[in-house]
N, C-alpha and C. Protein backbone atom coordinates (compact mmCIF):
# COMPACT_ATOMS: atom_id res chain seq x y z
N UNK A 1 103.42 137.01 80.65
CA UNK A 1 103.72 136.64 79.59
C UNK A 1 105.17 135.51 79.82
N UNK A 2 105.28 134.53 78.78
CA UNK A 2 106.49 133.86 78.96
C UNK A 2 107.69 134.07 77.93
N UNK A 3 108.56 134.56 78.93
CA UNK A 3 109.76 135.06 78.72
C UNK A 3 110.71 133.73 78.24
N UNK A 4 110.94 132.81 78.89
CA UNK A 4 112.00 131.52 78.63
C UNK A 4 111.13 130.54 79.28
N UNK A 5 111.51 129.21 78.29
CA UNK A 5 111.24 127.58 78.83
C UNK A 5 112.38 127.14 78.19
N UNK A 6 112.89 126.22 79.55
CA UNK A 6 113.65 125.54 79.74
C UNK A 6 113.35 123.78 79.68
N UNK A 7 114.20 123.07 79.95
CA UNK A 7 114.02 121.88 80.62
C UNK A 7 113.11 121.74 81.67
N UNK A 8 113.62 122.50 82.25
CA UNK A 8 113.38 122.36 83.57
C UNK A 8 112.97 123.81 84.46
N UNK A 9 112.74 124.86 83.83
CA UNK A 9 112.49 125.90 84.26
C UNK A 9 111.45 127.03 83.47
N UNK A 10 110.97 127.66 83.73
CA UNK A 10 110.11 128.73 82.96
C UNK A 10 110.58 130.01 83.63
N UNK A 11 110.42 131.03 82.98
CA UNK A 11 110.31 132.39 83.03
C UNK A 11 109.57 133.24 82.97
N UNK A 12 108.50 133.88 83.60
CA UNK A 12 107.36 134.36 83.19
C UNK A 12 107.18 135.83 83.58
N UNK A 13 107.19 137.14 82.68
CA UNK A 13 106.62 138.30 82.81
C UNK A 13 105.08 138.36 83.28
N UNK A 14 104.47 139.12 84.44
CA UNK A 14 103.21 139.38 84.50
C UNK A 14 102.79 140.26 85.22
N UNK A 15 101.64 140.85 85.46
CA UNK A 15 101.11 141.95 85.81
C UNK A 15 100.57 141.37 87.13
N UNK A 16 100.97 142.10 88.42
CA UNK A 16 100.19 141.31 89.52
C UNK A 16 99.56 142.51 90.42
N UNK A 17 98.24 141.99 91.12
CA UNK A 17 97.94 143.19 91.93
C UNK A 17 98.24 142.67 93.28
N UNK A 18 98.71 143.69 94.33
CA UNK A 18 98.96 143.55 95.40
C UNK A 18 97.83 143.47 96.34
N UNK A 19 97.81 143.12 97.59
CA UNK A 19 96.61 143.01 98.54
C UNK A 19 95.91 144.36 98.69
N UNK A 20 97.36 145.46 98.45
CA UNK A 20 96.35 146.87 98.48
C UNK A 20 95.81 147.78 97.30
N UNK A 21 95.65 146.76 96.49
CA UNK A 21 95.30 147.12 95.11
C UNK A 21 95.82 147.73 93.91
N UNK A 22 96.85 147.89 94.60
CA UNK A 22 98.12 148.33 93.37
C UNK A 22 98.88 147.57 92.72
N UNK A 23 98.65 147.91 91.23
CA UNK A 23 99.12 147.01 90.26
C UNK A 23 100.82 147.01 89.78
N UNK A 24 101.65 145.99 89.47
CA UNK A 24 103.08 145.99 89.87
C UNK A 24 103.08 144.80 88.86
N UNK A 25 104.79 145.02 87.83
CA UNK A 25 104.72 144.37 86.99
C UNK A 25 105.86 143.45 87.50
N UNK A 26 105.92 142.33 87.24
CA UNK A 26 106.85 141.15 88.20
C UNK A 26 107.78 140.02 87.22
N UNK A 27 108.80 139.65 87.54
CA UNK A 27 109.33 138.52 87.12
C UNK A 27 109.05 137.23 88.23
N UNK A 28 108.66 136.10 87.36
CA UNK A 28 108.49 134.99 88.16
C UNK A 28 109.02 133.55 87.21
N UNK A 29 109.61 132.90 88.31
CA UNK A 29 110.37 131.58 87.44
C UNK A 29 109.86 130.69 88.41
N UNK A 30 109.47 129.70 87.44
CA UNK A 30 108.67 128.45 87.52
C UNK A 30 109.76 127.31 87.55
N UNK A 31 110.40 126.65 88.54
CA UNK A 31 111.56 125.70 88.16
C UNK A 31 110.73 124.59 88.30
N UNK A 32 109.27 124.26 89.03
CA UNK A 32 109.09 122.78 89.36
C UNK A 32 109.39 122.57 90.63
N UNK A 33 109.00 121.64 91.10
CA UNK A 33 109.33 121.21 92.68
C UNK A 33 110.53 120.41 92.79
N UNK A 34 111.39 119.94 93.91
CA UNK A 34 112.39 119.81 94.61
C UNK A 34 112.31 118.47 95.77
N UNK A 35 113.13 118.12 96.11
CA UNK A 35 113.08 117.57 97.29
C UNK A 35 114.75 117.83 97.68
N UNK A 36 114.90 117.51 99.13
CA UNK A 36 116.09 116.94 99.98
C UNK A 36 116.10 116.27 100.77
N UNK A 37 117.10 115.80 100.91
CA UNK A 37 116.94 114.64 101.63
C UNK A 37 118.22 114.37 102.83
N UNK A 38 117.81 113.90 104.31
CA UNK A 38 118.87 113.71 105.15
C UNK A 38 119.47 112.41 105.63
N UNK A 39 120.13 111.86 104.99
CA UNK A 39 120.30 110.62 104.93
C UNK A 39 121.27 110.07 106.45
N UNK A 40 120.48 109.41 107.30
CA UNK A 40 121.46 109.43 108.92
C UNK A 40 121.66 107.83 108.92
N UNK A 41 122.59 107.49 109.30
CA UNK A 41 123.15 105.86 109.72
C UNK A 41 123.75 105.99 110.92
N UNK A 42 122.72 105.52 112.23
CA UNK A 42 123.53 105.54 113.38
C UNK A 42 123.55 107.31 114.09
N UNK A 43 125.01 107.50 114.20
CA UNK A 43 125.67 108.88 114.62
C UNK A 43 126.07 109.55 113.62
N UNK A 44 126.03 109.48 112.34
CA UNK A 44 126.13 110.01 110.92
C UNK A 44 125.56 110.29 110.32
N UNK A 45 125.55 111.29 109.29
CA UNK A 45 124.66 111.52 107.86
C UNK A 45 125.24 111.69 107.15
N UNK A 46 124.66 111.72 105.90
CA UNK A 46 125.84 111.63 104.57
C UNK A 46 125.12 112.91 104.42
N UNK A 47 126.21 114.08 103.81
CA UNK A 47 126.05 115.06 102.69
C UNK A 47 126.78 114.87 101.36
N UNK A 48 127.00 115.74 100.63
CA UNK A 48 127.37 115.93 99.28
C UNK A 48 128.39 117.15 99.27
N UNK A 49 129.57 116.86 98.60
CA UNK A 49 130.01 118.00 98.13
C UNK A 49 130.12 118.30 97.05
N UNK A 50 129.10 119.03 96.54
CA UNK A 50 128.77 119.09 94.77
C UNK A 50 129.44 120.76 94.01
N UNK A 51 129.72 120.57 93.27
CA UNK A 51 130.65 121.67 92.16
C UNK A 51 128.98 122.51 91.70
N UNK A 52 128.83 123.64 91.94
CA UNK A 52 127.79 124.71 91.38
C UNK A 52 128.43 125.66 90.52
N UNK A 53 127.91 125.32 89.21
CA UNK A 53 128.39 126.28 88.32
C UNK A 53 128.49 127.72 88.26
N UNK A 54 126.73 128.31 89.30
CA UNK A 54 126.58 129.09 89.08
C UNK A 54 127.35 130.42 90.06
N UNK A 55 128.06 129.66 91.19
CA UNK A 55 128.97 130.43 92.06
C UNK A 55 130.12 129.83 91.97
N UNK A 56 130.68 128.88 90.90
CA UNK A 56 132.16 128.17 90.52
C UNK A 56 132.48 127.56 91.61
N UNK A 57 131.86 127.14 92.52
CA UNK A 57 132.89 126.47 93.56
C UNK A 57 132.01 125.32 94.21
N UNK A 58 132.34 124.73 95.29
CA UNK A 58 131.96 123.19 95.79
C UNK A 58 131.23 123.67 97.01
N UNK A 59 130.32 123.01 97.66
CA UNK A 59 129.56 123.26 98.79
C UNK A 59 129.17 122.06 99.02
N UNK A 60 129.00 121.98 100.45
CA UNK A 60 127.97 121.01 101.25
C UNK A 60 126.96 121.15 101.13
N UNK A 61 125.95 119.76 100.44
CA UNK A 61 124.88 120.16 100.54
C UNK A 61 124.02 119.00 100.92
N UNK A 62 122.76 118.45 101.14
CA UNK A 62 122.24 117.68 101.46
C UNK A 62 121.84 116.80 99.97
N UNK A 63 121.60 115.61 99.53
CA UNK A 63 121.12 115.26 98.64
C UNK A 63 120.34 115.77 98.15
N UNK A 64 119.68 115.93 96.69
CA UNK A 64 118.80 116.64 96.36
C UNK A 64 118.51 116.83 94.90
N UNK A 65 117.10 116.79 94.39
CA UNK A 65 116.95 116.89 92.96
C UNK A 65 115.93 117.48 92.98
N UNK A 66 115.53 118.00 91.30
CA UNK A 66 114.05 118.53 90.84
C UNK A 66 113.07 116.98 91.01
N UNK A 67 112.09 117.31 90.92
CA UNK A 67 111.02 116.36 90.73
C UNK A 67 110.52 116.27 89.21
N UNK A 68 110.46 114.93 88.74
CA UNK A 68 110.44 114.82 87.56
C UNK A 68 108.62 114.70 87.06
N UNK A 69 107.99 115.20 85.80
CA UNK A 69 106.66 115.17 85.50
C UNK A 69 106.03 113.88 86.02
N UNK A 70 105.41 113.90 86.92
CA UNK A 70 104.40 112.73 87.07
C UNK A 70 104.78 112.13 88.18
N UNK A 71 105.97 112.62 89.10
CA UNK A 71 106.65 111.92 90.24
C UNK A 71 105.90 112.42 91.29
N UNK A 72 106.14 111.66 92.38
CA UNK A 72 105.52 112.00 93.39
C UNK A 72 106.91 112.47 94.37
N UNK A 73 106.63 113.75 95.43
CA UNK A 73 108.06 113.76 96.26
C UNK A 73 108.98 112.69 96.58
N UNK A 74 108.16 111.77 97.37
CA UNK A 74 108.57 110.33 98.17
C UNK A 74 109.52 109.89 97.06
N UNK A 75 108.62 109.49 95.69
CA UNK A 75 109.39 109.09 94.58
C UNK A 75 110.61 109.38 94.14
N UNK A 76 110.50 110.75 94.55
CA UNK A 76 112.13 111.70 93.62
C UNK A 76 113.34 111.57 94.95
N UNK A 77 112.36 111.53 95.85
CA UNK A 77 113.89 111.28 97.17
C UNK A 77 114.05 109.96 97.15
N UNK A 78 113.50 109.01 97.12
CA UNK A 78 114.02 107.72 97.04
C UNK A 78 115.26 107.62 95.54
N UNK A 79 114.34 108.19 94.56
CA UNK A 79 115.55 108.08 93.17
C UNK A 79 117.08 109.00 93.43
N UNK A 80 116.72 109.92 93.86
CA UNK A 80 117.82 111.12 94.22
C UNK A 80 118.77 110.66 94.87
N UNK A 81 118.30 109.88 96.33
CA UNK A 81 119.41 109.74 97.52
C UNK A 81 120.27 108.30 96.94
N UNK A 82 119.76 107.48 95.68
CA UNK A 82 120.35 106.29 94.89
C UNK A 82 121.50 107.15 94.14
N UNK A 83 120.85 108.31 93.17
CA UNK A 83 121.80 108.62 92.02
C UNK A 83 123.01 109.74 92.89
N UNK A 84 122.40 110.28 94.15
CA UNK A 84 123.41 111.18 94.60
C UNK A 84 124.95 110.50 95.43
N UNK A 85 124.18 109.74 95.96
CA UNK A 85 125.43 109.07 97.11
C UNK A 85 125.43 107.22 96.99
N UNK A 86 124.60 106.68 95.74
CA UNK A 86 124.71 105.47 96.08
C UNK A 86 123.96 104.74 97.17
N UNK A 87 123.37 105.05 97.80
CA UNK A 87 122.28 104.23 98.94
C UNK A 87 121.09 104.42 99.15
N UNK A 88 120.03 103.64 99.57
CA UNK A 88 118.80 103.42 99.20
C UNK A 88 118.62 103.71 100.60
N UNK A 89 117.42 104.13 101.05
CA UNK A 89 116.86 103.91 102.53
C UNK A 89 115.49 103.16 102.83
N UNK A 90 115.56 102.31 103.90
CA UNK A 90 114.47 101.80 104.06
C UNK A 90 113.10 102.59 104.70
N UNK A 91 113.23 103.37 105.38
CA UNK A 91 112.60 104.65 105.26
C UNK A 91 112.72 106.37 105.27
N UNK A 92 111.84 106.82 104.61
CA UNK A 92 111.74 108.48 104.52
C UNK A 92 110.82 108.66 105.53
N UNK A 93 111.14 109.71 106.06
CA UNK A 93 110.37 110.79 107.10
C UNK A 93 110.19 111.52 106.45
N UNK A 94 108.77 111.99 106.11
CA UNK A 94 108.78 113.53 106.05
C UNK A 94 108.70 114.62 106.41
N UNK A 95 109.42 115.63 106.83
CA UNK A 95 109.69 116.70 107.81
C UNK A 95 109.55 118.18 106.75
N UNK A 96 108.05 117.89 105.88
CA UNK A 96 107.87 119.56 105.75
C UNK A 96 108.26 120.09 104.44
N UNK A 97 108.03 121.21 104.10
CA UNK A 97 107.99 121.49 103.15
C UNK A 97 108.70 123.17 103.09
N UNK A 98 109.24 123.78 102.42
CA UNK A 98 109.74 125.10 102.43
C UNK A 98 109.66 125.72 100.78
N UNK A 99 109.48 127.08 101.02
CA UNK A 99 110.02 128.01 99.20
C UNK A 99 111.38 128.50 99.78
N UNK A 100 112.43 127.98 99.08
CA UNK A 100 113.79 128.61 99.50
C UNK A 100 113.80 129.95 98.76
N UNK A 101 113.04 130.46 98.22
CA UNK A 101 113.25 132.04 97.96
C UNK A 101 111.88 132.73 97.04
N UNK A 102 110.93 133.04 98.23
CA UNK A 102 109.70 133.10 97.69
C UNK A 102 109.41 134.41 96.84
N UNK A 103 110.72 135.68 96.52
CA UNK A 103 110.32 136.69 96.38
C UNK A 103 110.64 137.18 94.98
N UNK A 104 110.84 135.45 94.07
CA UNK A 104 110.83 135.98 92.94
C UNK A 104 110.85 134.08 91.94
N UNK A 105 110.73 133.26 93.03
CA UNK A 105 110.03 131.69 92.42
C UNK A 105 109.20 131.44 93.35
N UNK A 106 108.33 130.34 93.07
CA UNK A 106 107.39 129.56 93.32
C UNK A 106 108.12 127.94 93.73
N UNK A 107 109.01 127.87 93.50
CA UNK A 107 109.79 126.53 93.93
C UNK A 107 109.26 126.08 95.11
N UNK A 108 109.04 125.04 95.59
CA UNK A 108 108.77 123.78 96.84
C UNK A 108 109.57 122.87 97.24
N UNK A 109 110.64 123.09 97.61
CA UNK A 109 111.21 121.87 98.01
C UNK A 109 110.64 121.34 99.53
N UNK A 110 110.38 119.74 99.28
CA UNK A 110 110.10 118.76 100.20
C UNK A 110 111.08 118.59 101.10
N UNK A 111 111.20 118.16 102.31
CA UNK A 111 112.54 117.77 103.01
C UNK A 111 111.97 116.42 103.65
N UNK A 112 113.00 115.50 103.66
CA UNK A 112 112.67 114.18 103.95
C UNK A 112 114.06 113.55 105.01
N UNK A 113 114.32 112.95 106.23
CA UNK A 113 114.96 111.94 107.00
C UNK A 113 115.27 110.52 105.99
N UNK A 114 116.17 110.65 105.67
CA UNK A 114 116.26 109.13 105.32
C UNK A 114 116.88 107.99 106.38
N UNK A 115 116.43 106.70 106.90
CA UNK A 115 117.17 105.92 107.78
C UNK A 115 117.34 105.01 107.25
N UNK A 116 117.99 103.53 107.48
CA UNK A 116 118.14 102.41 107.12
C UNK A 116 118.73 101.88 105.58
N UNK A 117 119.98 102.98 105.88
CA UNK A 117 120.53 102.97 104.25
C UNK A 117 121.56 101.66 104.15
N UNK A 118 121.20 101.36 102.68
CA UNK A 118 122.15 100.68 102.36
C UNK A 118 122.22 100.53 100.71
N UNK A 119 123.58 99.78 100.32
CA UNK A 119 123.86 100.28 98.64
C UNK A 119 123.14 100.04 97.84
N UNK A 120 123.22 100.61 96.66
CA UNK A 120 122.26 100.68 95.38
C UNK A 120 122.66 100.91 94.43
N UNK A 121 122.09 100.37 93.35
CA UNK A 121 122.85 100.80 92.33
C UNK A 121 121.83 101.23 90.54
N UNK A 122 120.54 101.15 91.40
CA UNK A 122 119.67 101.24 90.86
C UNK A 122 119.10 102.64 89.77
N UNK A 123 120.07 103.50 90.30
CA UNK A 123 120.02 104.87 89.43
C UNK A 123 121.54 105.17 89.45
N UNK A 124 121.77 106.20 88.45
CA UNK A 124 123.06 106.40 88.37
C UNK A 124 123.27 107.99 88.46
N UNK A 125 124.15 108.79 88.92
CA UNK A 125 124.58 110.09 88.78
C UNK A 125 124.20 110.56 87.34
N UNK A 126 123.46 111.85 87.10
CA UNK A 126 123.53 112.54 86.25
C UNK A 126 124.60 113.14 85.56
N UNK A 127 125.12 112.69 84.54
CA UNK A 127 126.35 113.17 83.48
C UNK A 127 126.83 114.92 84.03
N UNK A 128 125.86 115.86 84.43
CA UNK A 128 126.28 116.98 84.82
C UNK A 128 126.79 117.35 85.84
N UNK A 129 126.79 116.26 86.98
CA UNK A 129 127.24 116.09 88.34
C UNK A 129 128.09 115.87 88.77
N UNK A 130 129.29 116.56 89.51
CA UNK A 130 130.36 116.69 90.03
C UNK A 130 130.14 116.39 91.63
N UNK A 131 129.87 115.14 91.89
CA UNK A 131 129.52 115.06 93.90
C UNK A 131 130.82 113.98 94.38
N UNK A 132 131.08 114.77 95.24
CA UNK A 132 131.35 113.75 96.63
C UNK A 132 130.60 113.54 97.50
N UNK A 133 130.67 112.03 98.53
CA UNK A 133 129.70 111.50 99.42
C UNK A 133 130.92 111.84 100.30
N UNK A 134 130.11 112.79 101.33
CA UNK A 134 130.88 112.84 102.84
C UNK A 134 130.23 112.49 103.79
N UNK A 135 131.00 111.76 104.82
CA UNK A 135 130.33 111.13 106.16
C UNK A 135 130.56 112.14 107.14
N UNK A 136 129.10 112.87 107.73
CA UNK A 136 129.63 113.85 108.81
C UNK A 136 128.88 113.28 109.87
N UNK A 137 129.58 113.60 111.36
CA UNK A 137 129.24 113.06 112.39
C UNK A 137 127.94 114.08 112.81
N UNK A 138 126.32 113.94 113.22
CA UNK A 138 125.38 114.52 113.15
C UNK A 138 125.68 115.68 114.27
N UNK A 139 126.71 115.35 115.44
CA UNK A 139 126.76 116.39 116.32
C UNK A 139 127.55 117.46 115.58
N UNK A 140 128.20 117.29 114.56
CA UNK A 140 128.89 118.17 113.70
C UNK A 140 127.76 119.36 113.02
N UNK A 141 126.88 119.15 112.90
CA UNK A 141 125.83 119.43 111.31
C UNK A 141 125.88 120.85 112.10
N UNK A 142 125.20 121.60 113.12
CA UNK A 142 125.25 122.87 113.47
C UNK A 142 125.83 123.17 113.56
N UNK A 143 127.26 123.00 114.14
CA UNK A 143 128.90 123.73 114.24
C UNK A 143 128.86 124.10 112.92
N UNK A 144 128.49 123.32 111.68
CA UNK A 144 129.05 123.25 110.28
C UNK A 144 127.90 124.40 109.69
N UNK A 145 126.68 124.54 110.01
CA UNK A 145 125.70 125.73 109.64
C UNK A 145 126.55 127.00 110.21
N UNK A 146 126.54 127.12 111.43
CA UNK A 146 126.74 127.89 112.15
C UNK A 146 128.01 128.68 111.75
N UNK A 147 129.23 128.12 111.45
CA UNK A 147 130.39 128.75 111.16
C UNK A 147 130.98 128.80 109.77
N UNK A 148 129.63 128.28 108.94
CA UNK A 148 129.38 128.56 107.79
C UNK A 148 130.04 128.18 106.83
N UNK A 149 130.60 126.41 107.18
CA UNK A 149 131.05 125.58 106.19
C UNK A 149 129.54 124.95 105.22
N UNK A 150 128.54 124.96 106.33
CA UNK A 150 127.39 124.70 104.88
C UNK A 150 126.45 126.31 105.17
N UNK A 151 126.43 126.44 103.71
CA UNK A 151 126.02 128.07 103.56
C UNK A 151 124.53 127.32 102.53
N UNK A 152 124.22 126.26 102.23
CA UNK A 152 123.12 126.03 101.18
C UNK A 152 121.87 126.00 101.64
N UNK A 153 120.82 126.96 101.69
CA UNK A 153 119.48 127.20 102.53
C UNK A 153 118.78 125.96 102.36
N UNK A 154 118.52 125.41 101.21
CA UNK A 154 117.59 123.88 101.43
C UNK A 154 118.35 123.08 102.88
N UNK A 155 120.02 123.23 102.71
CA UNK A 155 120.46 121.87 103.58
C UNK A 155 120.33 122.75 105.17
N UNK A 156 120.28 123.52 105.22
CA UNK A 156 120.11 124.60 106.28
C UNK A 156 118.51 124.29 106.88
N UNK A 157 117.93 124.29 106.39
CA UNK A 157 116.42 123.98 106.71
C UNK A 157 116.11 122.84 107.12
N UNK A 158 117.04 121.70 106.06
CA UNK A 158 116.73 120.01 106.29
C UNK A 158 117.39 119.93 107.76
N UNK A 159 118.11 120.34 108.24
CA UNK A 159 119.11 119.74 109.36
C UNK A 159 118.20 120.65 110.73
N UNK A 160 118.08 121.59 110.17
CA UNK A 160 116.89 122.00 111.62
C UNK A 160 115.59 121.40 111.88
N UNK A 161 114.80 121.16 110.76
CA UNK A 161 113.85 120.50 110.82
C UNK A 161 114.05 119.11 111.19
N UNK A 162 115.03 117.94 110.58
CA UNK A 162 115.47 116.70 111.18
C UNK A 162 116.27 116.64 112.90
N UNK A 163 116.87 118.13 113.30
CA UNK A 163 117.58 118.11 114.30
C UNK A 163 117.08 118.35 115.74
N UNK A 164 115.50 119.17 115.31
CA UNK A 164 115.26 120.21 116.32
C UNK A 164 114.39 119.81 117.31
């Protein structure tokens, strides 16, 4: 049973059957897919420092965004990189995908390494985003994860997939 339908989000209450046959009622959130991109230029990469209203704070993140209807993940990566950083990339290398929180959502986030950066104004930032682009030495990324400066799960996974 659908509980809520928004522009990009569906909340559903449903009866599930566990592998052992027990039946339970659960709520599942269907936000659609998303992408996260690690843009790299030489020994540096670009993160964004973005205000997130749900936590009422700014956090460091990889540029990211939701996949529009009819769009392929690599197309979203191209668009979102420009929207959030003002840069386009010559190459996008897929780094797989993750389930960020499979306990209550079926969201899948595709991960990309972006290289060959140059300025672009093909797309503009969404009007509800408050973003600062920050250049970070690649050698600093893992330290930022370990010491808690980067707390965003998709960004942590992306860093691990790109630097491992």
